[in-house]
Amino acid sequence: MAKVYLPLSLEELLGIISDQPAVRIFAGGTDLMVRLPFQGVESPLVCIEKVKELRVVEESADEVRIGAATTHSELVSGGLVKGLFPLLREAARHVGAPAVRNMGTIGGNICTASPAGDTLPPLYIYGAEVELRSPRGERRIPVEAFITGPGRTQLAPGEVLCAVVMRKDHGFNFNHFEKVGQRKAMAISVASFAFAAAIGAGGVVARARCAFGSVAPTVFTSRDLDECFAGKPMDGDTLVSAAAITREGVRPISDIRASAQYRRQVAGNLVRRLEETG
């Protein structure tokens, strides 16, 4: 049976990592505990759910810092996230069942690096950065660079994700998140879509960002797709063009939940549905 550590502070956590760089770190364990019977346990486990520095949501003049052990339920209920980053709150609301939302964390969703991770598309749109710590020091990198493929990240041995940091001045005043699964609730996404825009006078889009989950090896974004909206109203003609760019750009796979062709079609349809919300 593997040894399990339960540190109460970041200092204690970094001390454990310094002594045993090969430990496996988890918070809620909603992914890890499902996999353990199949993967086996070859190294000690460290549960970080009680590390107080990782459970805070705090703001400075320019940024909001969300501790990695913040649960999805806390993202949904927190006024700071709701007011400044509504896409992230809405995505967290769609994660699993209430029991999963009460245990699962934003840091776990990022480090699992699943293309279907619900919180990831909003984090890409808001230009989130991850704060990484180790006994050697601290670094911050964009979440887009941190996630390198399905289940793959730039997390180095002996390093822990401590927080997600987002700037408050994103300027978006229109937000939309939608997820398609095999059920209406408690489903892993077949495709998900996050969209944010700065819309000015006359309904003209000044700037937009789109991000899709489950339709590529990582979250799918496209500069051509974002620029398709710039300087135009969010009307039928714009959305037809945007949907075509989406279907051309995504790189879905076929699996037990859906075929690649179905995912491609759904991704374009999700863009077209913006006409119903505009």
Protein backbone atom coordinates (compact mmCIF):
# COMPACT_ATOMS: atom_id res chain seq x y z
CA MET A 1 0.00 0.00 0.00
CA ALA A 2 1.32 3.43 -0.95
CA LYS A 3 2.15 6.00 1.67
CA VAL A 4 -0.13 9.06 1.61
CA TYR A 5 0.96 12.50 2.82
CA LEU A 6 -1.50 15.21 3.88
CA PRO A 7 0.42 18.50 4.17
CA LEU A 8 -1.26 21.50 5.76
CA SER A 9 0.89 24.26 4.24
CA LEU A 10 2.75 25.02 1.04
CA GLU A 11 6.04 24.95 2.94
CA GLU A 12 5.29 21.43 4.16
CA LEU A 13 4.23 20.37 0.65
CA LEU A 14 7.43 21.68 -0.94
CA GLY A 15 9.45 19.91 1.73
CA ILE A 16 7.83 16.58 0.84
CA ILE A 17 8.44 17.19 -2.86
CA SER A 18 12.07 18.10 -2.18
CA ASP A 19 12.63 14.82 -0.34
CA GLN A 20 10.62 12.69 -2.79
CA PRO A 21 10.32 14.27 -6.27
CA ALA A 22 8.51 11.20 -7.64
CA VAL A 23 5.41 11.59 -5.44
CA ARG A 24 2.02 11.79 -7.18
CA ILE A 25 0.04 14.88 -6.22
CA PHE A 26 -3.75 15.05 -6.11
CA ALA A 27 -6.49 17.17 -4.55
CA GLY A 28 -10.05 15.84 -4.90
CA GLY A 29 -8.87 12.63 -6.53
CA THR A 30 -11.86 12.39 -8.89
CA ASP A 31 -9.57 11.36 -11.77
CA LEU A 32 -6.71 9.68 -9.93
CA MET A 33 -8.81 7.36 -7.77
CA VAL A 34 -10.61 6.00 -10.82
CA ARG A 35 -7.32 5.21 -12.55
CA LEU A 36 -5.36 3.75 -9.64
CA PRO A 37 -6.84 0.22 -9.82
CA PHE A 38 -5.63 0.01 -13.43
CA GLN A 39 -2.33 1.89 -13.14
CA GLY A 40 -1.19 0.58 -9.79
CA VAL A 41 0.62 2.67 -7.18
CA GLU A 42 4.40 2.80 -7.50
CA SER A 43 5.13 5.98 -5.55
CA PRO A 44 3.80 7.86 -2.51
CA LEU A 45 0.73 10.06 -2.88
CA VAL A 46 0.35 13.62 -1.65
CA CYS A 47 -3.14 15.02 -1.08
CA ILE A 48 -3.10 18.83 -1.22
CA GLU A 49 -6.74 19.51 -0.37
CA LYS A 50 -5.83 20.89 3.07
CA VAL A 51 -2.99 23.16 1.94
CA LYS A 52 -4.51 26.50 2.91
CA GLU A 53 -2.48 28.55 0.40
CA LEU A 54 -3.99 26.51 -2.45
CA ARG A 55 -7.62 27.08 -1.42
CA VAL A 56 -7.78 30.88 -1.79
CA VAL A 57 -9.38 33.07 -4.44
CA GLU A 58 -7.90 36.55 -4.23
CA GLU A 59 -7.59 39.66 -6.34
CA SER A 60 -5.05 42.40 -6.84
CA ALA A 61 -5.47 45.60 -8.81
CA ASP A 62 -4.94 43.79 -12.13
CA GLU A 63 -5.40 40.05 -11.58
CA VAL A 64 -7.39 37.32 -9.92
CA ARG A 65 -5.49 34.37 -8.46
CA ILE A 66 -7.38 31.09 -7.97
CA GLY A 67 -5.68 28.45 -5.83
CA ALA A 68 -5.23 25.11 -7.57
CA ALA A 69 -7.19 23.22 -4.89
CA THR A 70 -10.28 25.42 -5.37
CA THR A 71 -13.19 23.12 -6.13
CA HIS A 72 -15.61 23.49 -9.01
CA SER A 73 -18.41 24.16 -6.52
CA GLU A 74 -16.40 27.02 -5.05
CA LEU A 75 -15.91 28.46 -8.56
CA VAL A 76 -19.69 28.31 -9.09
CA SER A 77 -20.56 29.97 -5.79
CA GLY A 78 -17.77 32.53 -5.65
CA GLY A 79 -18.86 36.09 -6.42
CA LEU A 80 -15.46 37.15 -7.75
CA VAL A 81 -15.40 34.48 -10.47
CA LYS A 82 -19.07 35.01 -11.31
CA GLY A 83 -18.59 38.76 -11.76
CA LEU A 84 -15.32 38.81 -13.68
CA PHE A 85 -15.10 35.43 -15.43
CA PRO A 86 -18.64 34.20 -16.12
CA LEU A 87 -17.49 31.65 -18.71
CA LEU A 88 -15.38 29.87 -16.11
CA ARG A 89 -18.25 29.78 -13.64
CA GLU A 90 -20.63 28.39 -16.27
CA ALA A 91 -18.15 25.71 -17.33
CA ALA A 92 -17.57 24.68 -13.70
CA ARG A 93 -21.33 24.38 -13.29
CA HIS A 94 -21.36 21.71 -16.03
CA VAL A 95 -18.66 19.52 -14.45
CA GLY A 96 -20.01 16.08 -13.51
CA ALA A 97 -22.47 15.66 -10.66
CA PRO A 98 -22.61 17.72 -7.44
CA ALA A 99 -20.38 15.20 -5.65
CA VAL A 100 -17.71 15.58 -8.35
CA ARG A 101 -17.97 19.37 -8.29
CA ASN A 102 -17.56 19.32 -4.50
CA MET A 103 -14.34 17.29 -4.74
CA GLY A 104 -12.81 18.05 -8.14
CA THR A 105 -10.55 21.09 -8.46
CA ILE A 106 -9.51 23.55 -11.12
CA GLY A 107 -5.87 22.49 -10.74
CA GLY A 108 -6.82 18.86 -11.25
CA ASN A 109 -8.84 19.70 -14.36
CA ILE A 110 -5.80 21.46 -15.83
CA CYS A 111 -3.20 18.83 -14.90
CA THR A 112 -5.37 15.96 -16.15
CA ALA A 113 -5.12 17.77 -19.51
CA SER A 114 -8.08 16.01 -21.07
CA PRO A 115 -9.33 17.59 -24.32
CA ALA A 116 -12.79 17.26 -22.71
CA GLY A 117 -11.88 19.23 -19.56
CA ASP A 118 -14.82 21.60 -19.05
CA THR A 119 -12.92 24.51 -17.50
CA LEU A 120 -10.16 24.57 -20.12
CA PRO A 121 -11.86 26.47 -23.01
CA PRO A 122 -12.75 29.43 -20.74
CA LEU A 123 -9.21 29.49 -19.33
CA TYR A 124 -7.82 29.70 -22.87
CA ILE A 125 -10.19 32.55 -23.72
CA TYR A 126 -9.22 34.54 -20.62
CA GLY A 127 -5.51 34.06 -21.32
CA ALA A 128 -4.99 32.28 -18.00
CA GLU A 129 -1.52 31.54 -16.70
CA VAL A 130 -0.55 28.74 -14.34
CA GLU A 131 1.71 29.39 -11.37
CA LEU A 132 4.12 26.51 -10.80
CA ARG A 133 6.25 26.02 -7.68
CA SER A 134 9.04 23.65 -6.73
CA PRO A 135 11.84 23.66 -4.18
CA ARG A 136 13.91 25.33 -6.93
CA GLY A 137 11.63 28.33 -7.34
CA GLU A 138 8.52 29.62 -9.13
CA ARG A 139 7.48 30.18 -12.76
CA ARG A 140 4.35 31.27 -14.62
CA ILE A 141 3.41 30.14 -18.11
CA PRO A 142 0.22 30.43 -20.21
CA VAL A 143 -2.16 27.51 -19.82
CA GLU A 144 -2.04 27.11 -23.62
CA ALA A 145 1.69 26.38 -23.39
CA PHE A 146 1.36 24.28 -20.23
CA ILE A 147 -0.96 21.69 -21.84
CA THR A 148 0.91 19.96 -24.66
CA GLY A 149 -1.42 17.08 -25.56
CA PRO A 150 -3.95 14.62 -24.14
CA GLY A 151 -2.79 13.94 -20.58
CA ARG A 152 0.48 15.79 -21.17
CA THR A 153 1.71 18.99 -19.55
CA GLN A 154 4.94 20.90 -18.89
CA LEU A 155 4.79 20.08 -15.18
CA ALA A 156 8.35 19.13 -14.26
CA PRO A 157 9.34 16.45 -11.71
CA GLY A 158 9.18 17.91 -8.23
CA GLU A 159 6.84 20.72 -9.34
CA VAL A 160 3.28 21.51 -8.27
CA LEU A 161 0.63 23.72 -9.85
CA CYS A 162 -0.25 26.26 -7.17
CA ALA A 163 -2.66 28.65 -8.84
CA VAL A 164 -4.36 29.93 -11.97
CA VAL A 165 -3.95 33.66 -12.65
CA MET A 166 -6.15 35.75 -14.96
CA ARG A 167 -6.13 39.43 -15.80
CA LYS A 168 -9.25 41.39 -14.95
CA ASP A 169 -9.12 43.71 -17.99
CA HIS A 170 -10.20 41.22 -20.68
CA GLY A 171 -12.91 43.63 -21.86
CA PHE A 172 -15.48 41.01 -22.92
CA ASN A 173 -19.13 41.97 -22.44
CA PHE A 174 -20.72 38.99 -24.21
CA ASN A 175 -20.13 35.44 -22.99
CA HIS A 176 -21.46 32.05 -24.04
CA PHE A 177 -20.63 28.48 -22.99
CA GLU A 178 -22.31 25.35 -24.27
CA LYS A 179 -21.56 21.67 -23.90
CA VAL A 180 -22.93 18.73 -25.87
CA GLY A 181 -22.87 15.24 -24.37
CA GLN A 182 -24.71 11.96 -24.63
CA ARG A 183 -26.94 13.05 -21.74
CA LYS A 184 -28.24 16.42 -20.58
CA ALA A 185 -26.22 16.22 -17.37
CA MET A 186 -23.29 14.35 -15.80
CA ALA A 187 -21.74 13.63 -19.20
CA ILE A 188 -18.22 13.93 -20.59
CA SER A 189 -18.47 16.37 -23.46
CA VAL A 190 -18.70 15.27 -27.07
CA ALA A 191 -17.92 18.88 -27.89
CA SER A 192 -17.90 22.11 -25.89
CA PHE A 193 -17.71 25.72 -26.98
CA ALA A 194 -16.71 28.87 -25.13
CA PHE A 195 -17.12 32.27 -26.78
CA ALA A 196 -16.44 35.77 -25.54
CA ALA A 197 -16.68 39.06 -27.38
CA ALA A 198 -16.37 42.79 -26.89
CA ILE A 199 -19.44 44.15 -28.64
CA GLY A 200 -19.77 47.85 -29.28
CA ALA A 201 -22.39 50.24 -30.59
CA GLY A 202 -24.79 48.81 -33.12
CA GLY A 203 -23.94 45.25 -32.12
CA VAL A 204 -20.64 45.25 -34.00
CA VAL A 205 -18.00 42.89 -32.61
CA ALA A 206 -14.76 44.68 -31.84
CA ARG A 207 -12.92 41.56 -30.66
CA ALA A 208 -13.81 37.91 -30.12
CA ARG A 209 -12.25 34.68 -28.89
CA CYS A 210 -13.47 31.13 -29.47
CA ALA A 211 -12.29 27.91 -27.79
CA PHE A 212 -13.56 24.34 -28.24
CA GLY A 213 -13.15 21.23 -26.14
CA SER A 214 -13.18 17.58 -27.30
CA VAL A 215 -12.56 18.36 -30.98
CA ALA A 216 -8.74 18.30 -31.09
CA PRO A 217 -5.83 16.89 -29.05
CA THR A 218 -5.94 20.02 -26.90
CA VAL A 219 -8.39 22.92 -26.71
CA PHE A 220 -8.95 24.17 -30.25
CA THR A 221 -8.49 27.87 -30.96
CA SER A 222 -8.04 29.67 -34.27
CA ARG A 223 -6.87 33.18 -35.06
CA ASP A 224 -8.72 33.04 -38.38
CA LEU A 225 -11.92 32.13 -36.55
CA ASP A 226 -11.52 34.94 -34.01
CA GLU A 227 -10.80 37.48 -36.74
CA CYS A 228 -13.86 36.34 -38.68
CA PHE A 229 -16.00 38.21 -36.13
CA ALA A 230 -14.01 41.45 -35.95
CA GLY A 231 -15.82 44.52 -37.26
CA LYS A 232 -19.01 42.62 -38.06
CA PRO A 233 -22.38 42.13 -36.43
CA MET A 234 -22.96 38.68 -34.97
CA ASP A 235 -25.57 37.85 -37.60
CA GLY A 236 -26.35 34.85 -39.78
CA ASP A 237 -23.79 35.65 -42.49
CA THR A 238 -20.95 36.04 -39.99
CA LEU A 239 -21.87 32.85 -38.18
CA VAL A 240 -22.11 30.80 -41.38
CA SER A 241 -18.56 31.86 -42.24
CA ALA A 242 -17.36 31.19 -38.69
CA ALA A 243 -18.96 27.73 -38.67
CA ALA A 244 -17.21 26.84 -41.94
CA ILE A 245 -13.82 27.91 -40.53
CA THR A 246 -14.52 25.84 -37.42
CA ARG A 247 -15.38 22.65 -39.32
CA GLU A 248 -12.30 23.09 -41.49
CA GLY A 249 -9.97 23.64 -38.55
CA VAL A 250 -10.98 21.17 -35.85
CA ARG A 251 -9.20 17.80 -35.59
CA PRO A 252 -11.60 15.47 -33.78
CA ILE A 253 -11.24 11.74 -33.23
CA SER A 254 -13.79 8.94 -33.21
CA ASP A 255 -14.25 7.21 -29.86
CA ILE A 256 -16.90 5.50 -27.77
CA ARG A 257 -18.82 8.76 -27.32
CA ALA A 258 -18.98 10.08 -30.90
CA SER A 259 -17.50 9.86 -34.36
CA ALA A 260 -15.07 12.44 -35.69
CA GLN A 261 -17.59 13.53 -38.32
CA TYR A 262 -20.28 14.07 -35.70
CA ARG A 263 -17.95 16.17 -33.56
CA ARG A 264 -16.97 18.25 -36.59
CA GLN A 265 -20.60 18.93 -37.43
CA VAL A 266 -21.52 19.73 -33.82
CA ALA A 267 -18.61 22.17 -33.48
CA GLY A 268 -19.90 24.19 -36.42
CA ASN A 269 -23.47 23.98 -35.15
CA LEU A 270 -22.42 25.37 -31.77
CA VAL A 271 -21.07 28.46 -33.53
CA ARG A 272 -24.29 28.84 -35.52
CA ARG A 273 -26.30 28.71 -32.28
CA LEU A 274 -24.80 32.04 -31.24
CA GLU A 275 -27.47 33.60 -33.44
CA GLU A 276 -30.05 32.42 -30.90
CA THR A 277 -28.23 34.07 -28.00
CA GLY A 278 -27.14 37.34 -29.60
